Amino acid sequence: MTNFIGIDPGASGGMACIKDAYSPEIVNFGRATEAEIAGVLAEWFNAGDCFAFIEKVGPNRGHGARQQGASSMFTFGQSYGFLRGVLIASRVPFEEVQAVKWQVEFSLRRSDKEESDTAKKNRHKAKAQQLFPAVKITHAISDALLLTEYCRRIRSYEIARK
């Protein structure tokens, strides 16, 4: 049994796991403690073969509303480092994936540079809902689910090629 894990780091992100049954398990970081997150990752690892994709992102140095302040960049970096550390400590093999890479897979690259963050999040949520119709999708978990599906597609292809 293979568990495919996708992690969208940050306080408003989450993580998800697709097992062979294709029914995702989800953790919303806004509703979980660090101990709970670590426990769930260890549980997923102990349940069988697994692989994780974690979104590799840097600070948002954009302009206006999209610009991140020093405090939020620090908090985000702390969360990102914590998640990498838990993956390593739990012995979960993982790969860092830039957003552009997985977003292309689902035709989600922003075509309109003036598109609001809310409109972008709504597009991601709609795509996740299309792929997982039985799951109640929120903005907090949509990217984690899309990353998980991307992980499943890429790793299944790599496994089949061996």
N, C-alpha and C. Protein backbone atom coordinates (compact mmCIF):
# COMPACT_ATOMS: atom_id res chain seq x y z
N MET A 1 0.85 -1.17 0.00
CA MET A 1 0.00 0.00 0.00
C MET A 1 0.90 1.24 0.00
N THR A 2 0.58 2.20 -0.85
CA THR A 2 1.35 3.42 -0.93
C THR A 2 0.52 4.59 -0.46
N ASN A 3 1.10 5.40 0.40
CA ASN A 3 0.47 6.63 0.86
C ASN A 3 1.15 7.80 0.16
N PHE A 4 0.37 8.61 -0.53
CA PHE A 4 0.88 9.80 -1.20
C PHE A 4 0.48 11.00 -0.37
N ILE A 5 1.47 11.83 0.01
CA ILE A 5 1.25 12.94 0.92
C ILE A 5 1.58 14.25 0.23
N GLY A 6 0.72 15.25 0.42
CA GLY A 6 0.98 16.60 -0.07
C GLY A 6 0.91 17.57 1.08
N ILE A 7 1.89 18.48 1.15
CA ILE A 7 1.94 19.43 2.26
C ILE A 7 2.03 20.85 1.72
N ASP A 8 1.06 21.66 2.10
CA ASP A 8 1.03 23.09 1.80
C ASP A 8 1.43 23.81 3.09
N PRO A 9 2.70 24.21 3.21
CA PRO A 9 3.18 24.79 4.47
C PRO A 9 2.56 26.15 4.76
N GLY A 10 2.64 26.53 5.98
CA GLY A 10 2.10 27.83 6.40
C GLY A 10 0.94 27.63 7.35
N ALA A 11 0.67 28.64 8.14
CA ALA A 11 -0.38 28.55 9.16
C ALA A 11 -1.76 28.31 8.57
N SER A 12 -2.01 28.81 7.36
CA SER A 12 -3.33 28.63 6.75
C SER A 12 -3.32 27.50 5.72
N GLY A 13 -2.32 26.63 5.76
CA GLY A 13 -2.22 25.51 4.83
C GLY A 13 -2.73 24.23 5.44
N GLY A 14 -2.21 23.14 4.94
CA GLY A 14 -2.62 21.84 5.45
C GLY A 14 -1.84 20.74 4.78
N MET A 15 -2.22 19.52 5.08
CA MET A 15 -1.61 18.36 4.44
C MET A 15 -2.69 17.31 4.23
N ALA A 16 -2.43 16.46 3.25
CA ALA A 16 -3.39 15.41 2.92
C ALA A 16 -2.64 14.16 2.53
N CYS A 17 -3.32 13.04 2.64
CA CYS A 17 -2.74 11.74 2.29
C CYS A 17 -3.76 10.95 1.50
N ILE A 18 -3.34 10.46 0.35
CA ILE A 18 -4.17 9.57 -0.46
C ILE A 18 -3.57 8.18 -0.32
N LYS A 19 -4.40 7.27 0.16
CA LYS A 19 -3.97 5.88 0.24
C LYS A 19 -4.50 5.17 -0.99
N ASP A 20 -4.23 3.90 -1.13
CA ASP A 20 -4.66 3.18 -2.32
C ASP A 20 -6.16 3.27 -2.56
N ALA A 21 -6.92 3.41 -1.49
CA ALA A 21 -8.38 3.48 -1.64
C ALA A 21 -8.82 4.81 -2.24
N TYR A 22 -7.89 5.75 -2.40
CA TYR A 22 -8.14 7.05 -3.02
C TYR A 22 -9.08 7.93 -2.21
N SER A 23 -9.19 7.65 -0.95
CA SER A 23 -9.99 8.48 -0.06
C SER A 23 -9.03 9.30 0.80
N PRO A 24 -8.93 10.63 0.57
CA PRO A 24 -7.91 11.40 1.26
C PRO A 24 -8.21 11.63 2.74
N GLU A 25 -7.15 11.61 3.53
CA GLU A 25 -7.20 12.05 4.91
C GLU A 25 -6.59 13.45 4.92
N ILE A 26 -7.16 14.35 5.71
CA ILE A 26 -6.80 15.76 5.65
C ILE A 26 -6.50 16.32 7.03
N VAL A 27 -5.48 17.19 7.09
CA VAL A 27 -5.17 17.93 8.31
C VAL A 27 -5.11 19.41 7.94
N ASN A 28 -5.94 20.20 8.59
CA ASN A 28 -5.94 21.66 8.42
C ASN A 28 -5.01 22.22 9.49
N PHE A 29 -3.92 22.89 9.08
CA PHE A 29 -2.94 23.38 10.05
C PHE A 29 -3.53 24.42 11.00
N GLY A 30 -4.56 25.12 10.59
CA GLY A 30 -5.19 26.10 11.47
C GLY A 30 -5.92 25.48 12.64
N ARG A 31 -6.16 24.18 12.54
CA ARG A 31 -6.91 23.48 13.59
C ARG A 31 -6.11 22.38 14.26
N ALA A 32 -4.79 22.34 14.03
CA ALA A 32 -3.97 21.26 14.58
C ALA A 32 -2.76 21.82 15.30
N THR A 33 -2.35 21.14 16.35
CA THR A 33 -1.13 21.50 17.05
C THR A 33 0.06 20.85 16.34
N GLU A 34 1.25 21.31 16.67
CA GLU A 34 2.45 20.71 16.08
C GLU A 34 2.54 19.23 16.45
N ALA A 35 2.18 18.88 17.68
CA ALA A 35 2.22 17.48 18.11
C ALA A 35 1.24 16.64 17.30
N GLU A 36 0.06 17.18 17.02
CA GLU A 36 -0.92 16.44 16.21
C GLU A 36 -0.41 16.25 14.78
N ILE A 37 0.19 17.29 14.21
CA ILE A 37 0.74 17.19 12.85
C ILE A 37 1.82 16.12 12.80
N ALA A 38 2.75 16.15 13.75
CA ALA A 38 3.82 15.15 13.81
C ALA A 38 3.25 13.75 13.98
N GLY A 39 2.24 13.62 14.83
CA GLY A 39 1.62 12.31 15.06
C GLY A 39 0.95 11.75 13.82
N VAL A 40 0.26 12.60 13.08
CA VAL A 40 -0.42 12.15 11.87
C VAL A 40 0.60 11.72 10.81
N LEU A 41 1.66 12.51 10.63
CA LEU A 41 2.69 12.12 9.66
C LEU A 41 3.33 10.78 10.03
N ALA A 42 3.61 10.59 11.30
CA ALA A 42 4.19 9.31 11.75
C ALA A 42 3.20 8.17 11.50
N GLU A 43 1.94 8.42 11.74
CA GLU A 43 0.89 7.41 11.50
C GLU A 43 0.82 7.03 10.02
N TRP A 44 0.85 8.04 9.15
CA TRP A 44 0.81 7.77 7.71
C TRP A 44 2.03 6.96 7.29
N PHE A 45 3.20 7.31 7.83
CA PHE A 45 4.42 6.59 7.49
C PHE A 45 4.35 5.14 7.98
N ASN A 46 3.85 4.94 9.19
CA ASN A 46 3.78 3.60 9.76
C ASN A 46 2.72 2.73 9.09
N ALA A 47 1.79 3.35 8.36
CA ALA A 47 0.72 2.59 7.70
C ALA A 47 1.19 1.91 6.42
N GLY A 48 2.37 2.21 5.95
CA GLY A 48 2.86 1.56 4.74
C GLY A 48 3.83 2.46 3.98
N ASP A 49 4.19 2.02 2.80
CA ASP A 49 5.10 2.77 1.95
C ASP A 49 4.49 4.15 1.68
N CYS A 50 5.31 5.18 1.73
CA CYS A 50 4.77 6.52 1.48
C CYS A 50 5.83 7.43 0.86
N PHE A 51 5.33 8.51 0.30
CA PHE A 51 6.20 9.55 -0.26
C PHE A 51 5.44 10.86 -0.15
N ALA A 52 6.16 11.94 0.16
CA ALA A 52 5.53 13.25 0.34
C ALA A 52 6.11 14.28 -0.62
N PHE A 53 5.26 15.18 -1.05
CA PHE A 53 5.67 16.39 -1.75
C PHE A 53 5.33 17.55 -0.83
N ILE A 54 6.30 18.43 -0.59
CA ILE A 54 6.06 19.63 0.19
C ILE A 54 6.33 20.81 -0.74
N GLU A 55 5.43 21.77 -0.71
CA GLU A 55 5.59 22.92 -1.59
C GLU A 55 6.81 23.73 -1.16
N LYS A 56 7.70 23.98 -2.10
CA LYS A 56 8.89 24.78 -1.84
C LYS A 56 8.58 26.22 -2.22
N VAL A 57 8.52 27.04 -1.23
CA VAL A 57 8.19 28.44 -1.48
C VAL A 57 9.13 29.33 -0.68
N GLY A 58 9.23 30.56 -1.13
CA GLY A 58 10.04 31.56 -0.44
C GLY A 58 9.15 32.70 -0.01
N PRO A 59 9.74 33.74 0.53
CA PRO A 59 8.94 34.89 0.95
C PRO A 59 8.28 35.57 -0.23
N ASN A 60 7.11 36.13 0.00
CA ASN A 60 6.40 36.85 -1.05
C ASN A 60 6.84 38.31 -0.99
N ARG A 61 7.69 38.68 -1.92
CA ARG A 61 8.21 40.04 -1.95
C ARG A 61 7.52 40.86 -3.02
N GLY A 62 6.28 40.53 -3.30
CA GLY A 62 5.50 41.23 -4.32
C GLY A 62 5.21 42.66 -3.91
N HIS A 63 4.27 43.26 -4.57
CA HIS A 63 3.93 44.65 -4.31
C HIS A 63 2.52 44.73 -3.72
N GLY A 64 2.29 45.74 -2.93
CA GLY A 64 0.96 46.00 -2.39
C GLY A 64 0.49 44.91 -1.46
N ALA A 65 -0.74 44.44 -1.70
CA ALA A 65 -1.39 43.47 -0.81
C ALA A 65 -0.68 42.12 -0.80
N ARG A 66 0.08 41.81 -1.84
CA ARG A 66 0.73 40.50 -1.93
C ARG A 66 2.09 40.47 -1.24
N GLN A 67 2.55 41.57 -0.71
CA GLN A 67 3.85 41.62 -0.06
C GLN A 67 3.76 41.09 1.36
N GLN A 68 4.73 40.26 1.74
CA GLN A 68 4.79 39.70 3.08
C GLN A 68 5.69 40.56 3.95
N GLY A 69 5.32 40.76 5.19
CA GLY A 69 6.15 41.48 6.13
C GLY A 69 7.17 40.55 6.77
N ALA A 70 8.13 41.15 7.47
CA ALA A 70 9.20 40.37 8.09
C ALA A 70 8.67 39.35 9.09
N SER A 71 7.68 39.74 9.88
CA SER A 71 7.13 38.84 10.89
C SER A 71 6.44 37.64 10.26
N SER A 72 5.63 37.88 9.22
CA SER A 72 4.94 36.75 8.57
C SER A 72 5.93 35.86 7.82
N MET A 73 7.00 36.45 7.25
CA MET A 73 8.02 35.63 6.59
C MET A 73 8.72 34.73 7.61
N PHE A 74 8.99 35.27 8.80
CA PHE A 74 9.63 34.49 9.84
C PHE A 74 8.72 33.34 10.28
N THR A 75 7.45 33.64 10.52
CA THR A 75 6.49 32.62 10.94
C THR A 75 6.36 31.53 9.89
N PHE A 76 6.30 31.95 8.62
CA PHE A 76 6.19 30.96 7.54
C PHE A 76 7.44 30.09 7.49
N GLY A 77 8.62 30.70 7.58
CA GLY A 77 9.86 29.93 7.56
C GLY A 77 9.96 28.96 8.72
N GLN A 78 9.47 29.37 9.87
CA GLN A 78 9.47 28.51 11.04
C GLN A 78 8.58 27.29 10.78
N SER A 79 7.40 27.51 10.21
CA SER A 79 6.48 26.42 9.90
C SER A 79 7.08 25.48 8.86
N TYR A 80 7.68 26.06 7.83
CA TYR A 80 8.29 25.25 6.77
C TYR A 80 9.40 24.37 7.34
N GLY A 81 10.26 24.95 8.17
CA GLY A 81 11.34 24.19 8.79
C GLY A 81 10.82 23.10 9.71
N PHE A 82 9.76 23.42 10.46
CA PHE A 82 9.15 22.42 11.34
C PHE A 82 8.66 21.22 10.53
N LEU A 83 7.96 21.50 9.43
CA LEU A 83 7.40 20.42 8.61
C LEU A 83 8.50 19.56 7.98
N ARG A 84 9.54 20.19 7.48
CA ARG A 84 10.68 19.43 6.94
C ARG A 84 11.30 18.57 8.04
N GLY A 85 11.47 19.15 9.22
CA GLY A 85 12.06 18.40 10.33
C GLY A 85 11.22 17.19 10.73
N VAL A 86 9.91 17.36 10.75
CA VAL A 86 9.02 16.24 11.09
C VAL A 86 9.10 15.16 10.02
N LEU A 87 9.14 15.55 8.77
CA LEU A 87 9.29 14.56 7.69
C LEU A 87 10.58 13.76 7.86
N ILE A 88 11.67 14.46 8.14
CA ILE A 88 12.96 13.80 8.32
C ILE A 88 12.95 12.90 9.55
N ALA A 89 12.45 13.42 10.66
CA ALA A 89 12.40 12.64 11.90
C ALA A 89 11.49 11.42 11.78
N SER A 90 10.42 11.56 11.00
CA SER A 90 9.48 10.45 10.81
C SER A 90 9.95 9.48 9.73
N ARG A 91 11.08 9.80 9.11
CA ARG A 91 11.66 8.98 8.03
C ARG A 91 10.74 8.89 6.82
N VAL A 92 9.99 9.96 6.56
CA VAL A 92 9.13 10.02 5.39
C VAL A 92 9.95 10.58 4.23
N PRO A 93 10.15 9.80 3.17
CA PRO A 93 10.88 10.34 2.02
C PRO A 93 10.04 11.44 1.37
N PHE A 94 10.70 12.53 0.97
CA PHE A 94 9.96 13.65 0.40
C PHE A 94 10.76 14.39 -0.64
N GLU A 95 10.05 15.19 -1.39
CA GLU A 95 10.66 16.05 -2.41
C GLU A 95 10.01 17.43 -2.29
N GLU A 96 10.81 18.46 -2.45
CA GLU A 96 10.29 19.82 -2.47
C GLU A 96 9.87 20.14 -3.90
N VAL A 97 8.68 20.70 -4.06
CA VAL A 97 8.14 20.99 -5.38
C VAL A 97 7.70 22.45 -5.43
N GLN A 98 8.19 23.17 -6.41
CA GLN A 98 7.77 24.55 -6.56
C GLN A 98 6.33 24.61 -7.04
N ALA A 99 5.63 25.65 -6.61
CA ALA A 99 4.21 25.80 -6.95
C ALA A 99 3.98 25.77 -8.46
N VAL A 100 4.85 26.42 -9.20
CA VAL A 100 4.66 26.48 -10.66
C VAL A 100 4.61 25.07 -11.26
N LYS A 101 5.37 24.16 -10.70
CA LYS A 101 5.43 22.80 -11.24
C LYS A 101 4.10 22.06 -11.08
N TRP A 102 3.55 22.06 -9.85
CA TRP A 102 2.30 21.31 -9.66
C TRP A 102 1.10 22.06 -10.22
N GLN A 103 1.14 23.39 -10.24
CA GLN A 103 0.02 24.16 -10.77
C GLN A 103 -0.15 23.96 -12.28
N VAL A 104 0.96 23.78 -12.99
CA VAL A 104 0.89 23.52 -14.43
C VAL A 104 0.14 22.21 -14.70
N GLU A 105 0.36 21.21 -13.86
CA GLU A 105 -0.31 19.91 -14.02
C GLU A 105 -1.83 20.06 -14.04
N PHE A 106 -2.35 21.03 -13.32
CA PHE A 106 -3.80 21.22 -13.21
C PHE A 106 -4.29 22.47 -13.95
N SER A 107 -3.44 23.03 -14.81
CA SER A 107 -3.77 24.24 -15.58
C SER A 107 -4.21 25.38 -14.67
N LEU A 108 -3.47 25.59 -13.60
CA LEU A 108 -3.84 26.61 -12.61
C LEU A 108 -2.90 27.81 -12.58
N ARG A 109 -1.98 27.88 -13.52
CA ARG A 109 -1.09 29.04 -13.53
C ARG A 109 -1.90 30.29 -13.78
N ARG A 110 -1.57 31.33 -13.06
CA ARG A 110 -2.28 32.61 -13.16
C ARG A 110 -2.04 33.23 -14.53
N SER A 111 -3.10 33.40 -15.29
CA SER A 111 -2.96 34.01 -16.62
C SER A 111 -3.16 35.52 -16.54
N ASP A 112 -3.93 35.96 -15.58
CA ASP A 112 -4.22 37.38 -15.40
C ASP A 112 -3.43 37.89 -14.21
N LYS A 113 -2.42 38.70 -14.46
CA LYS A 113 -1.56 39.20 -13.38
C LYS A 113 -2.32 40.09 -12.40
N GLU A 114 -3.48 40.57 -12.79
CA GLU A 114 -4.29 41.41 -11.91
C GLU A 114 -5.31 40.61 -11.11
N GLU A 115 -5.32 39.30 -11.30
CA GLU A 115 -6.27 38.45 -10.58
C GLU A 115 -6.02 38.55 -9.07
N SER A 116 -7.08 38.67 -8.32
CA SER A 116 -6.95 38.77 -6.87
C SER A 116 -6.56 37.42 -6.28
N ASP A 117 -5.99 37.47 -5.07
CA ASP A 117 -5.64 36.24 -4.38
C ASP A 117 -6.89 35.39 -4.12
N THR A 118 -8.00 36.04 -3.82
CA THR A 118 -9.25 35.31 -3.57
C THR A 118 -9.71 34.58 -4.82
N ALA A 119 -9.63 35.23 -5.98
CA ALA A 119 -10.02 34.58 -7.24
C ALA A 119 -9.12 33.38 -7.53
N LYS A 120 -7.82 33.53 -7.26
CA LYS A 120 -6.88 32.43 -7.47
C LYS A 120 -7.23 31.27 -6.53
N LYS A 121 -7.46 31.58 -5.26
CA LYS A 121 -7.81 30.53 -4.29
C LYS A 121 -9.10 29.83 -4.68
N ASN A 122 -10.06 30.58 -5.23
CA ASN A 122 -11.32 29.98 -5.66
C ASN A 122 -11.11 29.03 -6.83
N ARG A 123 -10.19 29.37 -7.74
CA ARG A 123 -9.88 28.46 -8.86
C ARG A 123 -9.26 27.17 -8.34
N HIS A 124 -8.35 27.29 -7.38
CA HIS A 124 -7.72 26.10 -6.80
C HIS A 124 -8.75 25.24 -6.06
N LYS A 125 -9.62 25.90 -5.32
CA LYS A 125 -10.66 25.19 -4.59
C LYS A 125 -11.59 24.44 -5.56
N ALA A 126 -11.97 25.08 -6.65
CA ALA A 126 -12.85 24.45 -7.64
C ALA A 126 -12.19 23.23 -8.28
N LYS A 127 -10.89 23.32 -8.57
CA LYS A 127 -10.18 22.19 -9.16
C LYS A 127 -10.10 21.03 -8.17
N ALA A 128 -9.81 21.34 -6.91
CA ALA A 128 -9.76 20.30 -5.88
C ALA A 128 -11.13 19.64 -5.72
N GLN A 129 -12.19 20.45 -5.76
CA GLN A 129 -13.55 19.90 -5.63
C GLN A 129 -13.88 18.99 -6.80
N GLN A 130 -13.42 19.36 -7.99
CA GLN A 130 -13.62 18.52 -9.18
C GLN A 130 -12.93 17.17 -9.02
N LEU A 131 -11.72 17.19 -8.47
CA LEU A 131 -10.95 15.95 -8.32
C LEU A 131 -11.40 15.10 -7.13
N PHE A 132 -11.95 15.76 -6.12
CA PHE A 132 -12.38 15.07 -4.90
C PHE A 132 -13.82 15.46 -4.57
N PRO A 133 -14.78 15.01 -5.37
CA PRO A 133 -16.17 15.45 -5.19
C PRO A 133 -16.80 15.04 -3.86
N ALA A 134 -16.30 14.01 -3.22
CA ALA A 134 -16.89 13.54 -1.96
C ALA A 134 -16.33 14.28 -0.74
N VAL A 135 -15.35 15.18 -0.95
CA VAL A 135 -14.70 15.89 0.15
C VAL A 135 -15.20 17.32 0.20
N LYS A 136 -15.46 17.83 1.39
CA LYS A 136 -15.83 19.24 1.54
C LYS A 136 -14.53 20.05 1.48
N ILE A 137 -14.34 20.76 0.39
CA ILE A 137 -13.10 21.49 0.14
C ILE A 137 -13.18 22.90 0.73
N THR A 138 -12.11 23.30 1.40
CA THR A 138 -11.97 24.67 1.88
C THR A 138 -10.69 25.25 1.28
N HIS A 139 -10.54 26.57 1.37
CA HIS A 139 -9.31 27.19 0.87
C HIS A 139 -8.09 26.63 1.60
N ALA A 140 -8.24 26.33 2.88
CA ALA A 140 -7.11 25.86 3.70
C ALA A 140 -6.55 24.53 3.23
N ILE A 141 -7.38 23.68 2.67
CA ILE A 141 -6.92 22.34 2.29
C ILE A 141 -6.82 22.10 0.80
N SER A 142 -7.31 23.02 -0.02
CA SER A 142 -7.36 22.78 -1.47
C SER A 142 -5.97 22.55 -2.06
N ASP A 143 -4.99 23.39 -1.72
CA ASP A 143 -3.66 23.20 -2.29
C ASP A 143 -3.00 21.92 -1.78
N ALA A 144 -3.23 21.57 -0.53
CA ALA A 144 -2.68 20.32 0.00
C ALA A 144 -3.24 19.12 -0.77
N LEU A 145 -4.52 19.15 -1.07
CA LEU A 145 -5.12 18.05 -1.85
C LEU A 145 -4.57 18.01 -3.27
N LEU A 146 -4.40 19.18 -3.88
CA LEU A 146 -3.85 19.21 -5.23
C LEU A 146 -2.39 18.71 -5.24
N LEU A 147 -1.62 19.10 -4.24
CA LEU A 147 -0.25 18.60 -4.12
C LEU A 147 -0.23 17.09 -3.93
N THR A 148 -1.17 16.58 -3.15
CA THR A 148 -1.26 15.15 -2.91
C THR A 148 -1.59 14.40 -4.20
N GLU A 149 -2.53 14.92 -4.95
CA GLU A 149 -2.88 14.30 -6.23
C GLU A 149 -1.71 14.37 -7.20
N TYR A 150 -0.99 15.49 -7.20
CA TYR A 150 0.20 15.62 -8.04
C TYR A 150 1.23 14.57 -7.64
N CYS A 151 1.44 14.40 -6.34
CA CYS A 151 2.36 13.38 -5.83
C CYS A 151 1.93 11.99 -6.30
N ARG A 152 0.64 11.70 -6.19
CA ARG A 152 0.13 10.38 -6.62
C ARG A 152 0.41 10.15 -8.09
N ARG A 153 0.15 11.15 -8.92
CA ARG A 153 0.36 11.01 -10.36
C ARG A 153 1.83 10.80 -10.71
N ILE A 154 2.69 11.63 -10.16
CA ILE A 154 4.11 11.56 -10.48
C ILE A 154 4.73 10.29 -9.94
N ARG A 155 4.48 9.98 -8.69
CA ARG A 155 5.09 8.79 -8.09
C ARG A 155 4.54 7.50 -8.69
N SER A 156 3.25 7.45 -9.03
CA SER A 156 2.68 6.26 -9.66
C SER A 156 3.33 6.03 -11.01
N TYR A 157 3.57 7.11 -11.74
CA TYR A 157 4.24 7.01 -13.04
C TYR A 157 5.67 6.49 -12.86
N GLU A 158 6.39 7.04 -11.87
CA GLU A 158 7.76 6.62 -11.62
C GLU A 158 7.82 5.16 -11.17
N ILE A 159 6.88 4.74 -10.33
CA ILE A 159 6.83 3.35 -9.88
C ILE A 159 6.55 2.42 -11.05
N ALA A 160 5.64 2.82 -11.94
CA ALA A 160 5.29 1.98 -13.10
C ALA A 160 6.44 1.84 -14.06
N ARG A 161 7.30 2.85 -14.16
CA ARG A 161 8.44 2.80 -15.07
C ARG A 161 9.51 1.86 -14.59
N LYS A 162 9.55 1.52 -13.30
CA LYS A 162 10.62 0.66 -12.74
C LYS A 162 10.40 -0.78 -13.08
